[in-house]
Amino acid sequence: AARWFAAHPPKHSILFVAFDGEERGLKGSEAFVANPPVPLASMLVNVNFDMVSHNDENEIFVTGLYQNPQLRPLLEPVRAKAKPTILFGHDYPQPFWNIMEDWTQQSDQGAFADKDVPFLYLGVADHPDYHQPTDTFEHITQPFFLGVVESVLDLVGALDAADAAKLQKGRKG
């Protein structure tokens, strides 16, 4: 994605960041938002990819539209032509006994959500190799992963093409 955007310069600046410590409580993303290289208020949307390479049903979720409904109209055209099926959800507030169905705080986008930075998370439902020694390169569903990459480029491109005010609608600060 970084190579593609280098060859096709975006309208807005894009930061590509790899975080560590997600499984230990979002340590890397929390450190990033505590000391960002640019002001958080200038970040239009955080797009987080986590678990995007293995899904036998050819489905990927986009989480964050419940909290950021202003982004939905920008994503609908991407969703309509995506090679993997893009499902919206896993972002509705849940009662404490069903908290795992709300993925808002389940990956690095949580640190951004806590700071009122609009966010989207792309990920798949758990699969048999999730957190197992078998979660290796050989188990990547390559056609699915390539479709996700193409959809990610379309999704980020749609966000980039939008007016900044449309991305920020409803932001607290």
N, C-alpha and C. Protein backbone atom coordinates (compact mmCIF):
# COMPACT_ATOMS: atom_id res chain seq x y z
N ALA A 1 0.83 -1.19 0.00
CA ALA A 1 0.00 0.00 0.00
C ALA A 1 0.87 1.25 0.00
N ALA A 2 1.93 1.25 0.81
CA ALA A 2 2.82 2.41 0.84
C ALA A 2 3.46 2.64 -0.53
N ARG A 3 3.87 1.57 -1.17
CA ARG A 3 4.46 1.69 -2.51
C ARG A 3 3.45 2.24 -3.51
N TRP A 4 2.21 1.77 -3.43
CA TRP A 4 1.18 2.21 -4.35
C TRP A 4 0.91 3.71 -4.17
N PHE A 5 0.78 4.15 -2.91
CA PHE A 5 0.52 5.57 -2.67
C PHE A 5 1.73 6.44 -2.98
N ALA A 6 2.93 5.89 -2.90
CA ALA A 6 4.11 6.65 -3.33
C ALA A 6 4.05 6.91 -4.84
N ALA A 7 3.55 5.94 -5.59
CA ALA A 7 3.43 6.09 -7.04
C ALA A 7 2.18 6.87 -7.44
N HIS A 8 1.19 6.92 -6.56
CA HIS A 8 -0.07 7.63 -6.80
C HIS A 8 -0.30 8.57 -5.62
N PRO A 9 0.37 9.71 -5.60
CA PRO A 9 0.33 10.58 -4.41
C PRO A 9 -1.09 10.95 -3.98
N PRO A 10 -1.36 10.77 -2.70
CA PRO A 10 -2.69 11.09 -2.18
C PRO A 10 -2.87 12.60 -1.99
N LYS A 11 -4.12 13.00 -1.85
CA LYS A 11 -4.47 14.40 -1.59
C LYS A 11 -4.05 14.77 -0.16
N HIS A 12 -4.24 13.86 0.76
CA HIS A 12 -3.88 14.07 2.17
C HIS A 12 -2.62 13.26 2.49
N SER A 13 -1.90 13.70 3.50
CA SER A 13 -0.74 12.93 3.96
C SER A 13 -1.20 11.63 4.58
N ILE A 14 -0.40 10.60 4.40
CA ILE A 14 -0.70 9.29 4.98
C ILE A 14 0.52 8.85 5.79
N LEU A 15 0.27 8.45 7.02
CA LEU A 15 1.31 7.85 7.86
C LEU A 15 1.12 6.35 7.84
N PHE A 16 2.16 5.60 7.55
CA PHE A 16 2.13 4.14 7.66
C PHE A 16 2.89 3.79 8.93
N VAL A 17 2.20 3.17 9.87
CA VAL A 17 2.78 2.90 11.17
C VAL A 17 2.56 1.43 11.52
N ALA A 18 3.59 0.78 12.02
CA ALA A 18 3.49 -0.60 12.52
C ALA A 18 3.64 -0.53 14.04
N PHE A 19 2.65 -1.04 14.74
CA PHE A 19 2.65 -1.01 16.20
C PHE A 19 3.07 -2.35 16.76
N ASP A 20 3.63 -2.30 17.96
CA ASP A 20 3.97 -3.50 18.71
C ASP A 20 3.16 -3.47 20.00
N GLY A 21 3.05 -4.58 20.65
CA GLY A 21 2.41 -4.64 21.95
C GLY A 21 0.89 -4.62 21.93
N GLU A 22 0.29 -4.94 20.79
CA GLU A 22 -1.18 -4.94 20.70
C GLU A 22 -1.77 -5.99 21.64
N GLU A 23 -1.19 -7.16 21.66
CA GLU A 23 -1.71 -8.24 22.50
C GLU A 23 -1.43 -8.01 23.99
N ARG A 24 -0.62 -7.03 24.30
CA ARG A 24 -0.29 -6.73 25.71
C ARG A 24 -1.02 -5.47 26.18
N GLY A 25 -2.09 -5.10 25.47
CA GLY A 25 -2.87 -3.95 25.91
C GLY A 25 -2.69 -2.72 25.05
N LEU A 26 -2.47 -2.91 23.76
CA LEU A 26 -2.33 -1.80 22.80
C LEU A 26 -1.17 -0.87 23.15
N LYS A 27 -0.11 -1.43 23.68
CA LYS A 27 1.02 -0.62 24.16
C LYS A 27 1.62 0.29 23.09
N GLY A 28 1.83 -0.23 21.88
CA GLY A 28 2.44 0.58 20.82
C GLY A 28 1.54 1.71 20.36
N SER A 29 0.28 1.41 20.11
CA SER A 29 -0.63 2.46 19.64
C SER A 29 -0.92 3.47 20.75
N GLU A 30 -0.97 3.02 21.99
CA GLU A 30 -1.16 3.96 23.10
C GLU A 30 0.03 4.91 23.22
N ALA A 31 1.24 4.39 23.05
CA ALA A 31 2.43 5.25 23.08
C ALA A 31 2.40 6.23 21.92
N PHE A 32 1.95 5.77 20.76
CA PHE A 32 1.87 6.64 19.58
C PHE A 32 0.92 7.81 19.81
N VAL A 33 -0.30 7.52 20.29
CA VAL A 33 -1.26 8.62 20.48
C VAL A 33 -0.87 9.52 21.64
N ALA A 34 -0.06 9.02 22.57
CA ALA A 34 0.42 9.85 23.67
C ALA A 34 1.51 10.82 23.21
N ASN A 35 2.22 10.45 22.15
CA ASN A 35 3.32 11.28 21.64
C ASN A 35 3.34 11.20 20.11
N PRO A 36 2.29 11.70 19.46
CA PRO A 36 2.19 11.55 18.00
C PRO A 36 3.17 12.45 17.26
N PRO A 37 3.60 12.02 16.05
CA PRO A 37 4.52 12.84 15.27
C PRO A 37 3.85 14.07 14.64
N VAL A 38 2.53 14.05 14.58
CA VAL A 38 1.72 15.19 14.12
C VAL A 38 0.56 15.30 15.10
N PRO A 39 -0.05 16.48 15.22
CA PRO A 39 -1.16 16.61 16.17
C PRO A 39 -2.30 15.63 15.87
N LEU A 40 -2.85 15.03 16.90
CA LEU A 40 -3.96 14.11 16.73
C LEU A 40 -5.13 14.78 16.01
N ALA A 41 -5.35 16.06 16.27
CA ALA A 41 -6.45 16.78 15.63
C ALA A 41 -6.30 16.84 14.12
N SER A 42 -5.07 16.67 13.61
CA SER A 42 -4.86 16.71 12.16
C SER A 42 -5.03 15.33 11.52
N MET A 43 -5.21 14.29 12.33
CA MET A 43 -5.42 12.95 11.80
C MET A 43 -6.88 12.79 11.44
N LEU A 44 -7.15 12.61 10.15
CA LEU A 44 -8.53 12.55 9.69
C LEU A 44 -9.19 11.21 9.98
N VAL A 45 -8.47 10.11 9.74
CA VAL A 45 -9.00 8.77 9.98
C VAL A 45 -7.84 7.82 10.26
N ASN A 46 -8.01 6.99 11.27
CA ASN A 46 -7.08 5.90 11.51
C ASN A 46 -7.67 4.66 10.83
N VAL A 47 -6.91 4.04 9.95
CA VAL A 47 -7.34 2.80 9.30
C VAL A 47 -6.40 1.71 9.77
N ASN A 48 -6.94 0.75 10.50
CA ASN A 48 -6.13 -0.31 11.11
C ASN A 48 -6.41 -1.64 10.41
N PHE A 49 -5.35 -2.35 10.05
CA PHE A 49 -5.46 -3.67 9.43
C PHE A 49 -4.86 -4.68 10.40
N ASP A 50 -5.65 -5.65 10.77
CA ASP A 50 -5.19 -6.68 11.70
C ASP A 50 -5.97 -7.94 11.37
N MET A 51 -5.29 -8.99 11.09
CA MET A 51 -5.94 -10.25 10.69
C MET A 51 -6.67 -10.08 9.35
N VAL A 52 -5.91 -9.83 8.31
CA VAL A 52 -6.50 -9.56 6.99
C VAL A 52 -6.08 -10.57 5.93
N SER A 53 -5.49 -11.69 6.32
CA SER A 53 -4.94 -12.57 5.28
C SER A 53 -5.49 -13.99 5.25
N HIS A 54 -6.39 -14.32 6.15
CA HIS A 54 -6.88 -15.71 6.19
C HIS A 54 -8.37 -15.72 6.49
N ASN A 55 -9.15 -16.11 5.48
CA ASN A 55 -10.58 -16.28 5.68
C ASN A 55 -11.11 -17.17 4.58
N ASP A 56 -11.62 -18.31 4.96
CA ASP A 56 -12.12 -19.28 3.99
C ASP A 56 -13.47 -18.89 3.40
N GLU A 57 -14.19 -17.97 4.04
CA GLU A 57 -15.50 -17.54 3.54
C GLU A 57 -15.39 -16.31 2.64
N ASN A 58 -14.17 -15.79 2.44
CA ASN A 58 -13.95 -14.60 1.61
C ASN A 58 -14.69 -13.38 2.17
N GLU A 59 -14.65 -13.23 3.50
CA GLU A 59 -15.33 -12.14 4.19
C GLU A 59 -14.36 -11.38 5.08
N ILE A 60 -14.48 -10.07 5.05
CA ILE A 60 -13.71 -9.22 5.95
C ILE A 60 -14.66 -8.19 6.55
N PHE A 61 -14.44 -7.90 7.82
CA PHE A 61 -15.27 -6.91 8.50
C PHE A 61 -14.60 -5.55 8.48
N VAL A 62 -15.42 -4.52 8.34
CA VAL A 62 -15.01 -3.15 8.58
C VAL A 62 -15.77 -2.72 9.83
N THR A 63 -15.03 -2.41 10.85
CA THR A 63 -15.56 -1.99 12.14
C THR A 63 -15.29 -0.50 12.32
N GLY A 64 -16.23 0.20 12.89
CA GLY A 64 -16.03 1.62 13.19
C GLY A 64 -17.11 2.52 12.64
N LEU A 65 -18.03 1.97 11.87
CA LEU A 65 -19.07 2.81 11.28
C LEU A 65 -20.17 3.18 12.28
N TYR A 66 -20.32 2.40 13.32
CA TYR A 66 -21.28 2.78 14.37
C TYR A 66 -20.81 4.08 15.02
N GLN A 67 -19.52 4.17 15.32
CA GLN A 67 -18.96 5.35 15.95
C GLN A 67 -18.70 6.48 14.95
N ASN A 68 -18.54 6.13 13.68
CA ASN A 68 -18.19 7.11 12.65
C ASN A 68 -19.12 6.96 11.44
N PRO A 69 -20.41 7.22 11.63
CA PRO A 69 -21.37 7.00 10.54
C PRO A 69 -21.12 7.88 9.32
N GLN A 70 -20.40 8.97 9.49
CA GLN A 70 -20.10 9.85 8.37
C GLN A 70 -19.23 9.16 7.32
N LEU A 71 -18.56 8.07 7.69
CA LEU A 71 -17.68 7.36 6.75
C LEU A 71 -18.44 6.35 5.89
N ARG A 72 -19.60 5.94 6.33
CA ARG A 72 -20.34 4.88 5.63
C ARG A 72 -20.62 5.22 4.16
N PRO A 73 -21.11 6.42 3.83
CA PRO A 73 -21.38 6.72 2.42
C PRO A 73 -20.12 6.65 1.54
N LEU A 74 -18.97 6.88 2.13
CA LEU A 74 -17.71 6.80 1.38
C LEU A 74 -17.31 5.35 1.13
N LEU A 75 -17.74 4.46 2.01
CA LEU A 75 -17.33 3.06 1.91
C LEU A 75 -18.31 2.20 1.12
N GLU A 76 -19.54 2.62 1.01
CA GLU A 76 -20.54 1.82 0.29
C GLU A 76 -20.10 1.50 -1.15
N PRO A 77 -19.58 2.48 -1.93
CA PRO A 77 -19.13 2.14 -3.29
C PRO A 77 -17.97 1.14 -3.30
N VAL A 78 -17.08 1.24 -2.32
CA VAL A 78 -15.96 0.29 -2.21
C VAL A 78 -16.52 -1.09 -1.91
N ARG A 79 -17.44 -1.13 -0.98
CA ARG A 79 -18.06 -2.40 -0.58
C ARG A 79 -18.76 -3.07 -1.76
N ALA A 80 -19.41 -2.28 -2.60
CA ALA A 80 -20.18 -2.82 -3.72
C ALA A 80 -19.30 -3.52 -4.75
N LYS A 81 -18.05 -3.08 -4.91
CA LYS A 81 -17.20 -3.69 -5.94
C LYS A 81 -16.05 -4.52 -5.37
N ALA A 82 -16.00 -4.67 -4.06
CA ALA A 82 -14.90 -5.40 -3.43
C ALA A 82 -14.91 -6.87 -3.81
N LYS A 83 -13.71 -7.44 -3.96
CA LYS A 83 -13.60 -8.87 -4.26
C LYS A 83 -13.90 -9.71 -3.02
N PRO A 84 -13.36 -9.38 -1.85
CA PRO A 84 -13.89 -10.10 -0.68
C PRO A 84 -15.21 -9.44 -0.30
N THR A 85 -16.06 -10.18 0.34
CA THR A 85 -17.30 -9.60 0.84
C THR A 85 -16.95 -8.74 2.04
N ILE A 86 -17.30 -7.46 1.98
CA ILE A 86 -17.06 -6.56 3.11
C ILE A 86 -18.33 -6.50 3.93
N LEU A 87 -18.19 -6.87 5.19
CA LEU A 87 -19.29 -6.82 6.15
C LEU A 87 -19.04 -5.68 7.12
N PHE A 88 -20.07 -4.94 7.45
CA PHE A 88 -19.95 -3.89 8.46
C PHE A 88 -20.43 -4.46 9.78
N GLY A 89 -19.77 -4.09 10.87
CA GLY A 89 -20.25 -4.53 12.18
C GLY A 89 -19.15 -4.77 13.18
N HIS A 90 -19.49 -5.47 14.23
CA HIS A 90 -18.60 -5.73 15.37
C HIS A 90 -18.15 -4.42 16.02
N ASP A 91 -19.02 -3.43 16.02
CA ASP A 91 -18.66 -2.15 16.63
C ASP A 91 -19.80 -1.55 17.44
N TYR A 92 -20.83 -2.34 17.70
CA TYR A 92 -21.95 -1.85 18.48
C TYR A 92 -21.67 -2.07 19.96
N PRO A 93 -21.95 -1.10 20.81
CA PRO A 93 -21.76 -1.33 22.25
C PRO A 93 -22.53 -2.57 22.70
N GLN A 94 -21.87 -3.37 23.48
CA GLN A 94 -22.44 -4.64 23.93
C GLN A 94 -22.51 -4.66 25.46
N PRO A 95 -23.42 -5.44 26.01
CA PRO A 95 -23.41 -5.62 27.47
C PRO A 95 -22.12 -6.33 27.88
N PHE A 96 -21.73 -6.16 29.10
CA PHE A 96 -20.44 -6.68 29.57
C PHE A 96 -20.26 -8.16 29.31
N TRP A 97 -21.36 -8.94 29.29
CA TRP A 97 -21.22 -10.38 29.07
C TRP A 97 -21.02 -10.73 27.59
N ASN A 98 -21.08 -9.76 26.71
CA ASN A 98 -20.90 -10.02 25.28
C ASN A 98 -19.90 -9.04 24.67
N ILE A 99 -18.98 -8.54 25.45
CA ILE A 99 -18.05 -7.49 25.02
C ILE A 99 -17.17 -7.90 23.84
N MET A 100 -16.90 -9.19 23.66
CA MET A 100 -16.01 -9.62 22.58
C MET A 100 -16.62 -9.41 21.20
N GLU A 101 -17.92 -9.19 21.12
CA GLU A 101 -18.55 -8.91 19.83
C GLU A 101 -18.33 -7.47 19.39
N ASP A 102 -17.89 -6.61 20.30
CA ASP A 102 -17.56 -5.23 19.95
C ASP A 102 -16.04 -5.15 19.83
N TRP A 103 -15.56 -5.01 18.60
CA TRP A 103 -14.12 -5.03 18.34
C TRP A 103 -13.47 -3.66 18.48
N THR A 104 -14.20 -2.66 18.93
CA THR A 104 -13.67 -1.30 18.99
C THR A 104 -12.36 -1.23 19.76
N GLN A 105 -12.26 -1.94 20.86
CA GLN A 105 -11.05 -1.91 21.68
C GLN A 105 -10.19 -3.17 21.51
N GLN A 106 -10.48 -4.00 20.53
CA GLN A 106 -9.79 -5.28 20.38
C GLN A 106 -8.50 -5.20 19.58
N SER A 107 -8.19 -4.04 19.01
CA SER A 107 -6.94 -3.89 18.26
C SER A 107 -6.52 -2.42 18.36
N ASP A 108 -5.48 -2.06 17.63
CA ASP A 108 -4.85 -0.75 17.80
C ASP A 108 -5.74 0.45 17.52
N GLN A 109 -6.85 0.28 16.81
CA GLN A 109 -7.75 1.40 16.61
C GLN A 109 -8.33 1.90 17.92
N GLY A 110 -8.35 1.05 18.94
CA GLY A 110 -8.89 1.44 20.24
C GLY A 110 -8.20 2.65 20.83
N ALA A 111 -6.88 2.73 20.68
CA ALA A 111 -6.14 3.88 21.20
C ALA A 111 -6.57 5.17 20.50
N PHE A 112 -6.87 5.07 19.20
CA PHE A 112 -7.31 6.24 18.45
C PHE A 112 -8.76 6.58 18.80
N ALA A 113 -9.60 5.57 18.94
CA ALA A 113 -11.00 5.80 19.32
C ALA A 113 -11.06 6.52 20.66
N ASP A 114 -10.19 6.14 21.59
CA ASP A 114 -10.17 6.77 22.90
C ASP A 114 -9.81 8.25 22.83
N LYS A 115 -9.15 8.66 21.77
CA LYS A 115 -8.74 10.07 21.58
C LYS A 115 -9.64 10.78 20.57
N ASP A 116 -10.78 10.17 20.24
CA ASP A 116 -11.75 10.74 19.30
C ASP A 116 -11.23 10.93 17.89
N VAL A 117 -10.25 10.11 17.49
CA VAL A 117 -9.81 10.10 16.10
C VAL A 117 -10.71 9.11 15.38
N PRO A 118 -11.42 9.55 14.31
CA PRO A 118 -12.25 8.60 13.57
C PRO A 118 -11.41 7.39 13.15
N PHE A 119 -12.02 6.22 13.17
CA PHE A 119 -11.25 5.00 12.89
C PHE A 119 -12.06 4.01 12.10
N LEU A 120 -11.34 3.16 11.40
CA LEU A 120 -11.88 1.96 10.76
C LEU A 120 -10.92 0.84 11.05
N TYR A 121 -11.46 -0.32 11.31
CA TYR A 121 -10.66 -1.52 11.54
C TYR A 121 -11.08 -2.55 10.52
N LEU A 122 -10.10 -3.16 9.85
CA LEU A 122 -10.38 -4.26 8.94
C LEU A 122 -9.81 -5.53 9.53
N GLY A 123 -10.64 -6.54 9.64
CA GLY A 123 -10.20 -7.81 10.18
C GLY A 123 -11.21 -8.91 9.91
N VAL A 124 -10.79 -10.12 10.15
CA VAL A 124 -11.64 -11.28 9.92
C VAL A 124 -12.08 -11.87 11.25
N ALA A 125 -13.11 -12.68 11.19
CA ALA A 125 -13.51 -13.44 12.36
C ALA A 125 -12.42 -14.46 12.69
N ASP A 126 -12.41 -14.93 13.91
CA ASP A 126 -11.42 -15.94 14.30
C ASP A 126 -11.48 -17.14 13.36
N HIS A 127 -10.34 -17.74 13.14
CA HIS A 127 -10.24 -18.94 12.30
C HIS A 127 -9.46 -19.99 13.06
N PRO A 128 -9.43 -21.23 12.59
CA PRO A 128 -8.78 -22.31 13.35
C PRO A 128 -7.30 -22.06 13.66
N ASP A 129 -6.61 -21.24 12.87
CA ASP A 129 -5.19 -20.98 13.11
C ASP A 129 -4.94 -19.78 14.01
N TYR A 130 -6.00 -19.05 14.38
CA TYR A 130 -5.87 -17.84 15.19
C TYR A 130 -5.17 -18.14 16.51
N HIS A 131 -4.07 -17.43 16.75
CA HIS A 131 -3.25 -17.59 17.96
C HIS A 131 -2.74 -19.01 18.15
N GLN A 132 -2.50 -19.68 17.04
CA GLN A 132 -1.98 -21.04 17.08
C GLN A 132 -0.63 -21.09 16.35
N PRO A 133 0.19 -22.09 16.64
CA PRO A 133 1.46 -22.23 15.92
C PRO A 133 1.26 -22.40 14.41
N THR A 134 0.07 -22.78 14.00
CA THR A 134 -0.22 -22.99 12.58
C THR A 134 -0.57 -21.68 11.85
N ASP A 135 -0.59 -20.57 12.56
CA ASP A 135 -0.89 -19.28 11.93
C ASP A 135 0.38 -18.77 11.25
N THR A 136 0.67 -19.37 10.10
CA THR A 136 1.91 -19.11 9.36
C THR A 136 1.60 -18.68 7.93
N PHE A 137 2.64 -18.25 7.24
CA PHE A 137 2.52 -17.80 5.86
C PHE A 137 1.81 -18.82 4.98
N GLU A 138 2.11 -20.08 5.18
CA GLU A 138 1.53 -21.13 4.34
C GLU A 138 0.01 -21.18 4.43
N HIS A 139 -0.56 -20.64 5.51
CA HIS A 139 -2.01 -20.68 5.70
C HIS A 139 -2.70 -19.40 5.26
N ILE A 140 -1.96 -18.48 4.68
CA ILE A 140 -2.59 -17.28 4.12
C ILE A 140 -3.46 -17.71 2.95
N THR A 141 -4.67 -17.21 2.92
CA THR A 141 -5.57 -17.45 1.80
C THR A 141 -5.21 -16.39 0.75
N GLN A 142 -4.28 -16.75 -0.16
CA GLN A 142 -3.69 -15.75 -1.04
C GLN A 142 -4.69 -14.99 -1.90
N PRO A 143 -5.65 -15.63 -2.58
CA PRO A 143 -6.62 -14.84 -3.35
C PRO A 143 -7.41 -13.86 -2.46
N PHE A 144 -7.77 -14.33 -1.26
CA PHE A 144 -8.47 -13.46 -0.32
C PHE A 144 -7.60 -12.28 0.06
N PHE A 145 -6.36 -12.54 0.44
CA PHE A 145 -5.46 -11.47 0.86
C PHE A 145 -5.26 -10.45 -0.26
N LEU A 146 -5.06 -10.90 -1.48
CA LEU A 146 -4.88 -9.97 -2.60
C LEU A 146 -6.15 -9.14 -2.82
N GLY A 147 -7.32 -9.75 -2.67
CA GLY A 147 -8.57 -9.00 -2.77
C GLY A 147 -8.70 -7.96 -1.67
N VAL A 148 -8.26 -8.31 -0.46
CA VAL A 148 -8.27 -7.36 0.65
C VAL A 148 -7.35 -6.19 0.34
N VAL A 149 -6.16 -6.48 -0.18
CA VAL A 149 -5.21 -5.40 -0.52
C VAL A 149 -5.85 -4.45 -1.53
N GLU A 150 -6.46 -4.99 -2.57
CA GLU A 150 -7.11 -4.13 -3.56
C GLU A 150 -8.23 -3.31 -2.92
N SER A 151 -9.00 -3.92 -2.05
CA SER A 151 -10.08 -3.21 -1.37
C SER A 151 -9.54 -2.14 -0.43
N VAL A 152 -8.44 -2.43 0.23
CA VAL A 152 -7.81 -1.44 1.11
C VAL A 152 -7.38 -0.22 0.30
N LEU A 153 -6.77 -0.45 -0.85
CA LEU A 153 -6.36 0.67 -1.70
C LEU A 153 -7.58 1.49 -2.11
N ASP A 154 -8.66 0.82 -2.46
CA ASP A 154 -9.89 1.52 -2.83
C ASP A 154 -10.48 2.28 -1.64
N LEU A 155 -10.48 1.64 -0.49
CA LEU A 155 -11.03 2.25 0.72
C LEU A 155 -10.24 3.49 1.12
N VAL A 156 -8.94 3.37 1.20
CA VAL A 156 -8.11 4.51 1.58
C VAL A 156 -8.20 5.59 0.50
N GLY A 157 -8.27 5.19 -0.76
CA GLY A 157 -8.43 6.15 -1.83
C GLY A 157 -9.75 6.91 -1.71
N ALA A 158 -10.82 6.23 -1.35
CA ALA A 158 -12.12 6.89 -1.17
C ALA A 158 -12.08 7.87 0.00
N LEU A 159 -11.42 7.48 1.08
CA LEU A 159 -11.27 8.39 2.22
C LEU A 159 -10.43 9.60 1.82
N ASP A 160 -9.36 9.35 1.09
CA ASP A 160 -8.46 10.43 0.67
C ASP A 160 -9.17 11.40 -0.27
N ALA A 161 -10.04 10.91 -1.13
CA ALA A 161 -10.73 11.77 -2.09
C ALA A 161 -11.80 12.64 -1.43
N ALA A 162 -12.23 12.25 -0.25
CA ALA A 162 -13.30 12.98 0.44
C ALA A 162 -12.79 14.29 1.02
N ASP A 163 -13.71 15.20 1.16
CA ASP A 163 -13.43 16.46 1.83
C ASP A 163 -13.15 16.18 3.31
N ALA A 164 -12.14 16.83 3.86
CA ALA A 164 -11.77 16.58 5.25
C ALA A 164 -12.95 16.78 6.20
N ALA A 165 -13.80 17.74 5.94
CA ALA A 165 -14.95 17.98 6.82
C ALA A 165 -15.89 16.78 6.85
N LYS A 166 -16.03 16.07 5.74
CA LYS A 166 -16.90 14.88 5.72
C LYS A 166 -16.31 13.76 6.57
N LEU A 167 -15.01 13.70 6.65
CA LEU A 167 -14.37 12.67 7.46
C LEU A 167 -14.49 12.97 8.95
N GLN A 168 -14.55 14.23 9.28
CA GLN A 168 -14.52 14.66 10.68
C GLN A 168 -15.88 14.93 11.29
N LYS A 169 -16.94 14.84 10.54
CA LYS A 169 -18.27 15.17 11.03
C LYS A 169 -18.55 14.54 12.39
N GLY A 170 -18.94 15.35 13.33
CA GLY A 170 -19.30 14.84 14.64
C GLY A 170 -18.13 14.65 15.59
N ARG A 171 -16.93 14.96 15.15
CA ARG A 171 -15.76 14.76 16.01
C ARG A 171 -15.80 15.73 17.18
N LYS A 172 -15.47 15.24 18.34
CA LYS A 172 -15.54 16.05 19.56
C LYS A 172 -14.41 17.06 19.66
N GLY A 173 -13.27 16.76 19.12
CA GLY A 173 -12.19 17.72 19.28
C GLY A 173 -10.93 17.26 18.83
